[in-house]
Amino acid sequence: MRKAEIARKTRETDITLKLNLDGGGFASIDTGCGFLNHMLELFAFHGGFDLELLCRGDTQVDDHHTVEDVGIALGQAVFEALGDRAGIARYGSMFLPMDEALVLCAIDLSGRDTLGWQVSIPTEKVGSFDTELVKEFMLGFVRSLRATLHFQQLAGENSHHIIEAMFKGLGRALRQAAAADPSKAGRAPSSKGMLV
């Protein structure tokens, strides 16, 4: 079983996280930010990952530090759980429809961190959540995971639906990329013989 446990404590956040990449999609999440909780539950369910996450952050300031640091911690957990990445598919992608929204998510577990962002979220907030923080989450995630991640929004008018499609698509694309590829058993998923 590919598992990781992360403890990350700064002056702004205190995070404990447990991840099982080969789980059943069960989540227990309390970040102090209801919308982020919901998105991470969807990510775990659609990725088939077991995720336990507790974050205590300075949300009296705003949700920025919590959202960014949770992205960093989740990326670290996936990075650790993948180990040397030998035998994995490496690539994954998903066109995720969510009502009127349609988002492409594509990921490469390459060892190189890049975020491609062709997304236009029409409102500044969903409830009390600042929608600009979605990009901050994804930046923290790819930097600590060392992965290339692209989002392309093909349709969508409702901010909640667009963001939900992104998190569901990320779960499903990551599930594909992290899956075992029998043709690469025991080998790095690169013609170079190593990633990076």
N, C-alpha and C. Protein backbone atom coordinates (compact mmCIF):
# COMPACT_ATOMS: atom_id res chain seq x y z
N MET A 1 0.84 -1.19 0.00
CA MET A 1 0.00 0.00 0.00
C MET A 1 0.88 1.24 0.00
N ARG A 2 0.54 2.19 -0.85
CA ARG A 2 1.32 3.41 -0.97
C ARG A 2 0.70 4.47 -0.08
N LYS A 3 1.38 4.72 1.03
CA LYS A 3 0.84 5.61 2.06
C LYS A 3 1.87 6.66 2.44
N ALA A 4 1.36 7.75 3.03
CA ALA A 4 2.25 8.78 3.56
C ALA A 4 1.55 9.50 4.70
N GLU A 5 2.36 9.99 5.63
CA GLU A 5 1.86 10.84 6.71
C GLU A 5 2.70 12.10 6.73
N ILE A 6 2.03 13.23 6.80
CA ILE A 6 2.69 14.53 6.78
C ILE A 6 2.28 15.32 8.02
N ALA A 7 3.25 15.95 8.65
CA ALA A 7 2.98 16.93 9.71
C ALA A 7 3.71 18.21 9.30
N ARG A 8 2.95 19.27 9.17
CA ARG A 8 3.53 20.55 8.74
C ARG A 8 3.03 21.63 9.68
N LYS A 9 3.97 22.30 10.36
CA LYS A 9 3.58 23.34 11.32
C LYS A 9 4.39 24.60 11.05
N THR A 10 3.68 25.70 10.86
CA THR A 10 4.30 27.00 10.70
C THR A 10 3.62 27.96 11.66
N ARG A 11 3.98 29.22 11.61
CA ARG A 11 3.31 30.23 12.44
C ARG A 11 1.89 30.50 11.94
N GLU A 12 1.59 30.01 10.74
CA GLU A 12 0.28 30.29 10.13
C GLU A 12 -0.66 29.09 10.11
N THR A 13 -0.10 27.89 10.03
CA THR A 13 -0.93 26.68 9.96
C THR A 13 -0.29 25.52 10.71
N ASP A 14 -1.14 24.60 11.13
CA ASP A 14 -0.70 23.36 11.77
C ASP A 14 -1.50 22.24 11.11
N ILE A 15 -0.81 21.41 10.32
CA ILE A 15 -1.48 20.42 9.47
C ILE A 15 -0.98 19.02 9.80
N THR A 16 -1.91 18.09 9.93
CA THR A 16 -1.58 16.66 9.94
C THR A 16 -2.40 16.01 8.83
N LEU A 17 -1.76 15.11 8.11
CA LEU A 17 -2.38 14.53 6.92
C LEU A 17 -1.94 13.08 6.78
N LYS A 18 -2.90 12.22 6.49
CA LYS A 18 -2.62 10.82 6.17
C LYS A 18 -3.25 10.52 4.81
N LEU A 19 -2.48 9.87 3.94
CA LEU A 19 -2.94 9.57 2.59
C LEU A 19 -2.64 8.13 2.24
N ASN A 20 -3.62 7.46 1.64
CA ASN A 20 -3.43 6.13 1.08
C ASN A 20 -3.87 6.19 -0.37
N LEU A 21 -2.90 6.10 -1.29
CA LEU A 21 -3.22 6.18 -2.71
C LEU A 21 -4.03 4.99 -3.19
N ASP A 22 -3.97 3.89 -2.47
CA ASP A 22 -4.66 2.67 -2.88
C ASP A 22 -5.85 2.39 -1.97
N GLY A 23 -6.55 3.43 -1.62
CA GLY A 23 -7.68 3.31 -0.70
C GLY A 23 -9.00 3.11 -1.41
N GLY A 24 -10.05 3.53 -0.75
CA GLY A 24 -11.40 3.36 -1.27
C GLY A 24 -12.14 4.66 -1.46
N GLY A 25 -11.45 5.78 -1.37
CA GLY A 25 -12.09 7.07 -1.57
C GLY A 25 -12.74 7.63 -0.33
N PHE A 26 -12.25 7.23 0.84
CA PHE A 26 -12.83 7.69 2.10
C PHE A 26 -12.06 8.90 2.63
N ALA A 27 -12.80 9.91 3.08
CA ALA A 27 -12.16 11.15 3.52
C ALA A 27 -12.70 11.61 4.86
N SER A 28 -11.80 12.11 5.69
CA SER A 28 -12.14 12.78 6.94
C SER A 28 -11.33 14.07 6.95
N ILE A 29 -11.99 15.19 6.66
CA ILE A 29 -11.27 16.42 6.39
C ILE A 29 -11.85 17.57 7.19
N ASP A 30 -10.97 18.29 7.89
CA ASP A 30 -11.37 19.50 8.62
C ASP A 30 -10.24 20.51 8.47
N THR A 31 -10.43 21.45 7.55
CA THR A 31 -9.43 22.48 7.32
C THR A 31 -9.81 23.81 7.95
N GLY A 32 -11.03 23.91 8.48
CA GLY A 32 -11.53 25.19 8.95
C GLY A 32 -12.12 26.03 7.83
N CYS A 33 -12.12 25.48 6.62
CA CYS A 33 -12.65 26.15 5.43
C CYS A 33 -13.62 25.19 4.76
N GLY A 34 -14.89 25.43 4.91
CA GLY A 34 -15.91 24.48 4.46
C GLY A 34 -15.84 24.15 2.99
N PHE A 35 -15.63 25.14 2.14
CA PHE A 35 -15.58 24.88 0.71
C PHE A 35 -14.39 24.02 0.35
N LEU A 36 -13.22 24.28 0.96
CA LEU A 36 -12.04 23.46 0.71
C LEU A 36 -12.27 22.04 1.19
N ASN A 37 -12.91 21.87 2.34
CA ASN A 37 -13.25 20.52 2.81
C ASN A 37 -14.01 19.76 1.73
N HIS A 38 -15.03 20.41 1.19
CA HIS A 38 -15.90 19.79 0.18
C HIS A 38 -15.11 19.40 -1.06
N MET A 39 -14.25 20.30 -1.54
CA MET A 39 -13.47 20.01 -2.74
C MET A 39 -12.50 18.84 -2.51
N LEU A 40 -11.88 18.78 -1.33
CA LEU A 40 -10.95 17.69 -1.04
C LEU A 40 -11.67 16.36 -0.85
N GLU A 41 -12.88 16.39 -0.33
CA GLU A 41 -13.68 15.17 -0.24
C GLU A 41 -13.97 14.63 -1.64
N LEU A 42 -14.30 15.53 -2.57
CA LEU A 42 -14.56 15.12 -3.95
C LEU A 42 -13.28 14.59 -4.61
N PHE A 43 -12.15 15.26 -4.40
CA PHE A 43 -10.86 14.81 -4.91
C PHE A 43 -10.56 13.38 -4.44
N ALA A 44 -10.73 13.13 -3.14
CA ALA A 44 -10.43 11.81 -2.58
C ALA A 44 -11.38 10.75 -3.13
N PHE A 45 -12.66 11.07 -3.17
CA PHE A 45 -13.65 10.10 -3.65
C PHE A 45 -13.39 9.70 -5.10
N HIS A 46 -13.19 10.70 -5.95
CA HIS A 46 -13.03 10.41 -7.38
C HIS A 46 -11.65 9.86 -7.70
N GLY A 47 -10.67 10.11 -6.83
CA GLY A 47 -9.35 9.52 -7.02
C GLY A 47 -9.22 8.14 -6.42
N GLY A 48 -10.17 7.76 -5.55
CA GLY A 48 -10.06 6.48 -4.85
C GLY A 48 -8.98 6.51 -3.78
N PHE A 49 -8.73 7.71 -3.24
CA PHE A 49 -7.70 7.88 -2.21
C PHE A 49 -8.36 7.97 -0.84
N ASP A 50 -7.75 7.37 0.17
CA ASP A 50 -8.17 7.62 1.55
C ASP A 50 -7.37 8.81 2.06
N LEU A 51 -8.09 9.79 2.62
CA LEU A 51 -7.44 11.04 3.02
C LEU A 51 -7.98 11.48 4.37
N GLU A 52 -7.07 11.59 5.33
CA GLU A 52 -7.39 12.18 6.64
C GLU A 52 -6.59 13.47 6.75
N LEU A 53 -7.28 14.56 7.06
CA LEU A 53 -6.62 15.85 7.06
C LEU A 53 -7.22 16.75 8.12
N LEU A 54 -6.33 17.29 8.95
CA LEU A 54 -6.73 18.28 9.96
C LEU A 54 -5.81 19.47 9.82
N CYS A 55 -6.41 20.64 9.69
CA CYS A 55 -5.62 21.87 9.59
C CYS A 55 -6.21 22.91 10.54
N ARG A 56 -5.33 23.52 11.32
CA ARG A 56 -5.70 24.67 12.14
C ARG A 56 -4.88 25.84 11.62
N GLY A 57 -5.56 26.80 11.02
CA GLY A 57 -4.86 27.91 10.40
C GLY A 57 -5.38 29.25 10.88
N ASP A 58 -4.71 30.30 10.44
CA ASP A 58 -5.07 31.65 10.86
C ASP A 58 -6.22 32.20 10.00
N THR A 59 -7.32 31.49 10.04
CA THR A 59 -8.47 31.88 9.22
C THR A 59 -9.14 33.16 9.70
N GLN A 60 -8.73 33.64 10.88
CA GLN A 60 -9.22 34.95 11.31
C GLN A 60 -8.64 36.06 10.44
N VAL A 61 -7.51 35.77 9.79
CA VAL A 61 -6.92 36.70 8.82
C VAL A 61 -7.68 36.55 7.50
N ASP A 62 -7.55 35.37 6.90
CA ASP A 62 -8.34 34.91 5.76
C ASP A 62 -7.95 33.46 5.52
N ASP A 63 -8.43 32.87 4.43
CA ASP A 63 -8.18 31.45 4.18
C ASP A 63 -6.91 31.19 3.37
N HIS A 64 -6.19 32.24 3.01
CA HIS A 64 -5.07 32.08 2.08
C HIS A 64 -4.02 31.08 2.59
N HIS A 65 -3.53 31.28 3.79
CA HIS A 65 -2.46 30.42 4.30
C HIS A 65 -2.93 28.97 4.44
N THR A 66 -4.16 28.80 4.90
CA THR A 66 -4.71 27.44 5.03
C THR A 66 -4.78 26.75 3.69
N VAL A 67 -5.34 27.41 2.69
CA VAL A 67 -5.52 26.78 1.38
C VAL A 67 -4.17 26.46 0.74
N GLU A 68 -3.26 27.42 0.76
CA GLU A 68 -1.95 27.19 0.15
C GLU A 68 -1.19 26.08 0.87
N ASP A 69 -1.17 26.11 2.20
CA ASP A 69 -0.40 25.11 2.95
C ASP A 69 -1.00 23.72 2.86
N VAL A 70 -2.31 23.62 2.77
CA VAL A 70 -2.93 22.31 2.55
C VAL A 70 -2.53 21.77 1.18
N GLY A 71 -2.48 22.63 0.17
CA GLY A 71 -2.00 22.19 -1.14
C GLY A 71 -0.57 21.68 -1.08
N ILE A 72 0.28 22.40 -0.36
CA ILE A 72 1.67 21.97 -0.20
C ILE A 72 1.75 20.62 0.50
N ALA A 73 1.02 20.46 1.61
CA ALA A 73 1.05 19.21 2.38
C ALA A 73 0.51 18.04 1.57
N LEU A 74 -0.56 18.27 0.80
CA LEU A 74 -1.12 17.19 -0.01
C LEU A 74 -0.14 16.79 -1.10
N GLY A 75 0.51 17.75 -1.73
CA GLY A 75 1.52 17.42 -2.73
C GLY A 75 2.67 16.63 -2.13
N GLN A 76 3.13 17.00 -0.94
CA GLN A 76 4.19 16.26 -0.26
C GLN A 76 3.76 14.83 0.01
N ALA A 77 2.52 14.66 0.43
CA ALA A 77 2.02 13.32 0.75
C ALA A 77 1.98 12.43 -0.49
N VAL A 78 1.48 12.97 -1.60
CA VAL A 78 1.44 12.18 -2.84
C VAL A 78 2.86 11.86 -3.29
N PHE A 79 3.77 12.83 -3.20
CA PHE A 79 5.16 12.61 -3.58
C PHE A 79 5.76 11.46 -2.78
N GLU A 80 5.57 11.47 -1.47
CA GLU A 80 6.12 10.41 -0.61
C GLU A 80 5.47 9.07 -0.90
N ALA A 81 4.15 9.07 -1.06
CA ALA A 81 3.43 7.81 -1.28
C ALA A 81 3.83 7.14 -2.60
N LEU A 82 4.19 7.94 -3.60
CA LEU A 82 4.58 7.38 -4.90
C LEU A 82 5.95 6.73 -4.85
N GLY A 83 6.77 7.07 -3.88
CA GLY A 83 8.11 6.49 -3.79
C GLY A 83 8.95 6.86 -5.01
N ASP A 84 9.63 5.87 -5.60
CA ASP A 84 10.51 6.17 -6.75
C ASP A 84 9.75 6.25 -8.07
N ARG A 85 8.45 6.06 -8.03
CA ARG A 85 7.55 6.17 -9.20
C ARG A 85 7.78 5.08 -10.24
N ALA A 86 8.62 4.10 -9.93
CA ALA A 86 8.85 3.01 -10.87
C ALA A 86 7.55 2.25 -11.12
N GLY A 87 7.30 1.94 -12.37
CA GLY A 87 6.15 1.11 -12.74
C GLY A 87 4.82 1.82 -12.82
N ILE A 88 4.79 3.14 -12.64
CA ILE A 88 3.50 3.85 -12.73
C ILE A 88 3.25 4.30 -14.16
N ALA A 89 1.99 4.63 -14.45
CA ALA A 89 1.62 5.10 -15.78
C ALA A 89 2.22 6.46 -16.09
N ARG A 90 2.38 7.30 -15.09
CA ARG A 90 2.97 8.64 -15.15
C ARG A 90 2.00 9.69 -15.65
N TYR A 91 1.26 9.43 -16.70
CA TYR A 91 0.34 10.42 -17.28
C TYR A 91 -1.11 10.08 -16.96
N GLY A 92 -1.91 11.12 -16.77
CA GLY A 92 -3.34 10.93 -16.60
C GLY A 92 -4.09 12.16 -17.06
N SER A 93 -5.29 11.98 -17.57
CA SER A 93 -6.09 13.12 -18.00
C SER A 93 -7.57 12.80 -17.88
N MET A 94 -8.37 13.86 -17.77
CA MET A 94 -9.80 13.69 -17.63
C MET A 94 -10.51 14.93 -18.14
N PHE A 95 -11.49 14.72 -19.01
CA PHE A 95 -12.47 15.76 -19.32
C PHE A 95 -13.60 15.57 -18.32
N LEU A 96 -13.80 16.55 -17.44
CA LEU A 96 -14.79 16.39 -16.38
C LEU A 96 -15.96 17.36 -16.61
N PRO A 97 -17.14 16.82 -16.92
CA PRO A 97 -18.32 17.68 -17.02
C PRO A 97 -18.99 17.84 -15.66
N MET A 98 -19.36 19.05 -15.32
CA MET A 98 -20.13 19.32 -14.11
C MET A 98 -21.23 20.30 -14.50
N ASP A 99 -22.40 19.75 -14.80
CA ASP A 99 -23.50 20.55 -15.32
C ASP A 99 -23.03 21.34 -16.55
N GLU A 100 -23.10 22.66 -16.53
CA GLU A 100 -22.72 23.44 -17.71
C GLU A 100 -21.20 23.60 -17.85
N ALA A 101 -20.46 23.23 -16.82
CA ALA A 101 -19.00 23.39 -16.84
C ALA A 101 -18.34 22.14 -17.43
N LEU A 102 -17.25 22.38 -18.14
CA LEU A 102 -16.43 21.30 -18.69
C LEU A 102 -14.97 21.71 -18.56
N VAL A 103 -14.20 20.88 -17.86
CA VAL A 103 -12.80 21.20 -17.59
C VAL A 103 -11.93 20.01 -17.94
N LEU A 104 -10.85 20.27 -18.66
CA LEU A 104 -9.82 19.28 -18.91
C LEU A 104 -8.75 19.40 -17.84
N CYS A 105 -8.41 18.28 -17.22
CA CYS A 105 -7.29 18.21 -16.28
C CYS A 105 -6.32 17.16 -16.81
N ALA A 106 -5.05 17.53 -16.94
CA ALA A 106 -4.02 16.60 -17.40
C ALA A 106 -2.81 16.73 -16.49
N ILE A 107 -2.24 15.58 -16.09
CA ILE A 107 -1.12 15.58 -15.16
C ILE A 107 -0.02 14.65 -15.65
N ASP A 108 1.21 15.07 -15.40
CA ASP A 108 2.40 14.29 -15.69
C ASP A 108 3.24 14.25 -14.42
N LEU A 109 3.43 13.08 -13.87
CA LEU A 109 4.22 12.92 -12.64
C LEU A 109 5.70 12.85 -13.01
N SER A 110 6.16 13.95 -13.56
CA SER A 110 7.44 14.01 -14.26
C SER A 110 8.63 14.32 -13.36
N GLY A 111 8.37 14.86 -12.17
CA GLY A 111 9.45 15.36 -11.34
C GLY A 111 9.73 16.83 -11.59
N ARG A 112 9.00 17.44 -12.53
CA ARG A 112 9.16 18.87 -12.85
C ARG A 112 7.86 19.58 -12.55
N ASP A 113 7.93 20.68 -11.82
CA ASP A 113 6.71 21.37 -11.40
C ASP A 113 6.34 22.51 -12.34
N THR A 114 5.16 22.38 -12.93
CA THR A 114 4.60 23.39 -13.82
C THR A 114 3.09 23.38 -13.64
N LEU A 115 2.49 24.57 -13.63
CA LEU A 115 1.03 24.67 -13.61
C LEU A 115 0.58 25.43 -14.84
N GLY A 116 -0.17 24.76 -15.70
CA GLY A 116 -0.83 25.41 -16.83
C GLY A 116 -2.24 25.79 -16.41
N TRP A 117 -2.60 27.05 -16.62
CA TRP A 117 -3.86 27.57 -16.04
C TRP A 117 -4.63 28.33 -17.11
N GLN A 118 -5.57 27.67 -17.75
CA GLN A 118 -6.46 28.31 -18.70
C GLN A 118 -7.87 28.21 -18.14
N VAL A 119 -8.08 28.93 -17.07
CA VAL A 119 -9.33 28.88 -16.30
C VAL A 119 -9.78 30.31 -16.03
N SER A 120 -11.07 30.54 -16.19
CA SER A 120 -11.64 31.85 -15.88
C SER A 120 -12.83 31.65 -14.95
N ILE A 121 -12.61 31.87 -13.66
CA ILE A 121 -13.67 31.71 -12.67
C ILE A 121 -14.41 33.05 -12.58
N PRO A 122 -15.71 33.07 -12.87
CA PRO A 122 -16.39 34.36 -13.08
C PRO A 122 -16.64 35.19 -11.83
N THR A 123 -16.67 34.60 -10.65
CA THR A 123 -16.95 35.38 -9.44
C THR A 123 -15.73 35.36 -8.52
N GLU A 124 -15.63 36.38 -7.68
CA GLU A 124 -14.52 36.46 -6.73
C GLU A 124 -14.71 35.53 -5.54
N LYS A 125 -15.95 35.15 -5.27
CA LYS A 125 -16.23 34.30 -4.11
C LYS A 125 -17.25 33.22 -4.46
N VAL A 126 -17.10 32.08 -3.78
CA VAL A 126 -18.16 31.07 -3.69
C VAL A 126 -18.49 31.00 -2.21
N GLY A 127 -19.65 31.52 -1.82
CA GLY A 127 -19.93 31.70 -0.40
C GLY A 127 -18.91 32.67 0.16
N SER A 128 -18.18 32.25 1.19
CA SER A 128 -17.14 33.11 1.78
C SER A 128 -15.75 32.77 1.25
N PHE A 129 -15.66 31.82 0.31
CA PHE A 129 -14.37 31.35 -0.20
C PHE A 129 -13.90 32.23 -1.35
N ASP A 130 -12.65 32.70 -1.26
CA ASP A 130 -12.05 33.49 -2.34
C ASP A 130 -11.61 32.57 -3.47
N THR A 131 -12.23 32.72 -4.64
CA THR A 131 -11.96 31.78 -5.73
C THR A 131 -10.53 31.88 -6.26
N GLU A 132 -9.85 33.00 -6.05
CA GLU A 132 -8.45 33.10 -6.51
C GLU A 132 -7.55 32.12 -5.75
N LEU A 133 -8.02 31.61 -4.63
CA LEU A 133 -7.22 30.68 -3.83
C LEU A 133 -7.12 29.29 -4.47
N VAL A 134 -7.99 28.99 -5.42
CA VAL A 134 -7.89 27.69 -6.11
C VAL A 134 -6.53 27.59 -6.81
N LYS A 135 -6.12 28.67 -7.47
CA LYS A 135 -4.82 28.65 -8.14
C LYS A 135 -3.69 28.54 -7.12
N GLU A 136 -3.80 29.20 -5.98
CA GLU A 136 -2.78 29.10 -4.94
C GLU A 136 -2.66 27.67 -4.43
N PHE A 137 -3.78 27.00 -4.26
CA PHE A 137 -3.78 25.60 -3.84
C PHE A 137 -3.02 24.76 -4.86
N MET A 138 -3.38 24.91 -6.13
CA MET A 138 -2.78 24.09 -7.18
C MET A 138 -1.29 24.37 -7.33
N LEU A 139 -0.86 25.63 -7.17
CA LEU A 139 0.56 25.95 -7.22
C LEU A 139 1.32 25.26 -6.09
N GLY A 140 0.80 25.33 -4.88
CA GLY A 140 1.43 24.63 -3.76
C GLY A 140 1.50 23.13 -3.99
N PHE A 141 0.43 22.59 -4.55
CA PHE A 141 0.34 21.15 -4.81
C PHE A 141 1.39 20.70 -5.82
N VAL A 142 1.48 21.37 -6.97
CA VAL A 142 2.43 20.90 -8.00
C VAL A 142 3.88 21.13 -7.59
N ARG A 143 4.14 22.20 -6.85
CA ARG A 143 5.52 22.46 -6.44
C ARG A 143 6.04 21.38 -5.50
N SER A 144 5.21 20.95 -4.56
CA SER A 144 5.69 19.93 -3.61
C SER A 144 5.57 18.51 -4.19
N LEU A 145 4.64 18.29 -5.12
CA LEU A 145 4.53 16.99 -5.79
C LEU A 145 5.57 16.85 -6.89
N ARG A 146 6.05 17.98 -7.42
CA ARG A 146 6.97 17.99 -8.55
C ARG A 146 6.31 17.32 -9.76
N ALA A 147 5.18 17.90 -10.13
CA ALA A 147 4.41 17.38 -11.25
C ALA A 147 4.02 18.52 -12.17
N THR A 148 3.75 18.18 -13.42
CA THR A 148 3.19 19.12 -14.38
C THR A 148 1.68 18.91 -14.40
N LEU A 149 0.94 20.00 -14.22
CA LEU A 149 -0.51 19.93 -14.12
C LEU A 149 -1.11 21.03 -14.99
N HIS A 150 -2.03 20.65 -15.85
CA HIS A 150 -2.71 21.61 -16.71
C HIS A 150 -4.22 21.55 -16.50
N PHE A 151 -4.82 22.72 -16.43
CA PHE A 151 -6.27 22.85 -16.44
C PHE A 151 -6.67 23.71 -17.63
N GLN A 152 -7.65 23.24 -18.38
CA GLN A 152 -8.22 24.04 -19.45
C GLN A 152 -9.74 24.00 -19.33
N GLN A 153 -10.32 25.16 -19.12
CA GLN A 153 -11.77 25.28 -19.00
C GLN A 153 -12.36 25.42 -20.40
N LEU A 154 -13.21 24.48 -20.76
CA LEU A 154 -13.82 24.48 -22.08
C LEU A 154 -15.22 25.10 -22.06
N ALA A 155 -15.87 25.08 -20.90
CA ALA A 155 -17.19 25.67 -20.74
C ALA A 155 -17.41 25.91 -19.26
N GLY A 156 -18.36 26.78 -18.96
CA GLY A 156 -18.71 26.99 -17.57
C GLY A 156 -19.08 28.43 -17.26
N GLU A 157 -20.15 28.58 -16.50
CA GLU A 157 -20.63 29.89 -16.07
C GLU A 157 -20.74 29.99 -14.55
N ASN A 158 -20.88 28.86 -13.88
CA ASN A 158 -21.07 28.82 -12.44
C ASN A 158 -19.73 28.53 -11.76
N SER A 159 -19.28 29.42 -10.90
CA SER A 159 -17.96 29.28 -10.29
C SER A 159 -17.83 27.98 -9.50
N HIS A 160 -18.86 27.63 -8.73
CA HIS A 160 -18.82 26.40 -7.95
C HIS A 160 -18.64 25.19 -8.87
N HIS A 161 -19.38 25.16 -9.96
CA HIS A 161 -19.30 24.03 -10.88
C HIS A 161 -17.92 23.93 -11.53
N ILE A 162 -17.34 25.06 -11.91
CA ILE A 162 -16.02 25.06 -12.55
C ILE A 162 -14.97 24.51 -11.58
N ILE A 163 -14.98 25.00 -10.35
CA ILE A 163 -13.99 24.55 -9.36
C ILE A 163 -14.21 23.09 -9.01
N GLU A 164 -15.46 22.69 -8.88
CA GLU A 164 -15.76 21.29 -8.57
C GLU A 164 -15.26 20.37 -9.68
N ALA A 165 -15.45 20.78 -10.94
CA ALA A 165 -14.95 19.99 -12.06
C ALA A 165 -13.43 19.86 -11.99
N MET A 166 -12.76 20.91 -11.54
CA MET A 166 -11.30 20.88 -11.43
C MET A 166 -10.84 19.86 -10.40
N PHE A 167 -11.44 19.86 -9.22
CA PHE A 167 -11.01 18.96 -8.16
C PHE A 167 -11.38 17.51 -8.46
N LYS A 168 -12.57 17.29 -9.02
CA LYS A 168 -12.93 15.92 -9.42
C LYS A 168 -12.01 15.44 -10.54
N GLY A 169 -11.76 16.31 -11.51
CA GLY A 169 -10.87 15.94 -12.61
C GLY A 169 -9.47 15.65 -12.13
N LEU A 170 -8.98 16.43 -11.16
CA LEU A 170 -7.65 16.18 -10.61
C LEU A 170 -7.58 14.82 -9.94
N GLY A 171 -8.60 14.47 -9.16
CA GLY A 171 -8.61 13.16 -8.52
C GLY A 171 -8.55 12.03 -9.53
N ARG A 172 -9.36 12.13 -10.57
CA ARG A 172 -9.41 11.06 -11.57
C ARG A 172 -8.15 11.00 -12.43
N ALA A 173 -7.60 12.17 -12.80
CA ALA A 173 -6.37 12.18 -13.59
C ALA A 173 -5.19 11.65 -12.78
N LEU A 174 -5.11 12.03 -11.51
CA LEU A 174 -4.03 11.54 -10.66
C LEU A 174 -4.15 10.05 -10.43
N ARG A 175 -5.36 9.57 -10.31
CA ARG A 175 -5.57 8.12 -10.16
C ARG A 175 -5.00 7.37 -11.36
N GLN A 176 -5.25 7.87 -12.57
CA GLN A 176 -4.70 7.24 -13.78
C GLN A 176 -3.17 7.29 -13.77
N ALA A 177 -2.63 8.46 -13.47
CA ALA A 177 -1.18 8.64 -13.54
C ALA A 177 -0.43 7.80 -12.52
N ALA A 178 -1.04 7.61 -11.34
CA ALA A 178 -0.39 6.86 -10.27
C ALA A 178 -0.61 5.34 -10.38
N ALA A 179 -1.47 4.94 -11.31
CA ALA A 179 -1.79 3.51 -11.46
C ALA A 179 -0.59 2.74 -12.00
N ALA A 180 -0.55 1.45 -11.68
CA ALA A 180 0.51 0.59 -12.18
C ALA A 180 0.35 0.37 -13.68
N ASP A 181 1.46 0.43 -14.40
CA ASP A 181 1.51 0.14 -15.83
C ASP A 181 2.33 -1.13 -15.99
N PRO A 182 1.69 -2.27 -16.30
CA PRO A 182 2.41 -3.55 -16.40
C PRO A 182 3.60 -3.51 -17.36
N SER A 183 3.52 -2.69 -18.39
CA SER A 183 4.61 -2.62 -19.36
C SER A 183 5.84 -1.90 -18.80
N LYS A 184 5.65 -1.21 -17.66
CA LYS A 184 6.77 -0.47 -17.05
C LYS A 184 7.15 -1.06 -15.69
N ALA A 185 6.76 -2.28 -15.43
CA ALA A 185 6.97 -2.88 -14.11
C ALA A 185 8.42 -2.76 -13.66
N GLY A 186 8.61 -2.11 -12.51
CA GLY A 186 9.94 -1.99 -11.93
C GLY A 186 10.84 -0.98 -12.61
N ARG A 187 10.34 -0.29 -13.64
CA ARG A 187 11.17 0.64 -14.38
C ARG A 187 10.64 2.05 -14.24
N ALA A 188 11.53 3.01 -14.37
CA ALA A 188 11.12 4.42 -14.39
C ALA A 188 10.26 4.67 -15.63
N PRO A 189 9.19 5.44 -15.50
CA PRO A 189 8.31 5.69 -16.65
C PRO A 189 8.85 6.80 -17.55
N SER A 190 10.09 6.59 -18.05
CA SER A 190 10.73 7.57 -18.92
C SER A 190 11.74 6.86 -19.79
N SER A 191 11.82 7.28 -21.05
CA SER A 191 12.80 6.68 -21.97
C SER A 191 14.24 7.00 -21.54
N LYS A 192 14.41 8.01 -20.67
CA LYS A 192 15.74 8.36 -20.16
C LYS A 192 16.22 7.36 -19.11
N GLY A 193 15.29 6.59 -18.56
CA GLY A 193 15.62 5.67 -17.49
C GLY A 193 15.46 6.27 -16.11
N MET A 194 15.10 7.54 -16.06
CA MET A 194 14.83 8.22 -14.79
C MET A 194 13.99 9.45 -15.06
N LEU A 195 13.27 9.87 -14.06
CA LEU A 195 12.52 11.11 -14.16
C LEU A 195 13.40 12.28 -13.79
N VAL A 196 13.12 13.42 -14.35
CA VAL A 196 13.85 14.68 -14.17
C VAL A 196 15.17 14.69 -14.89
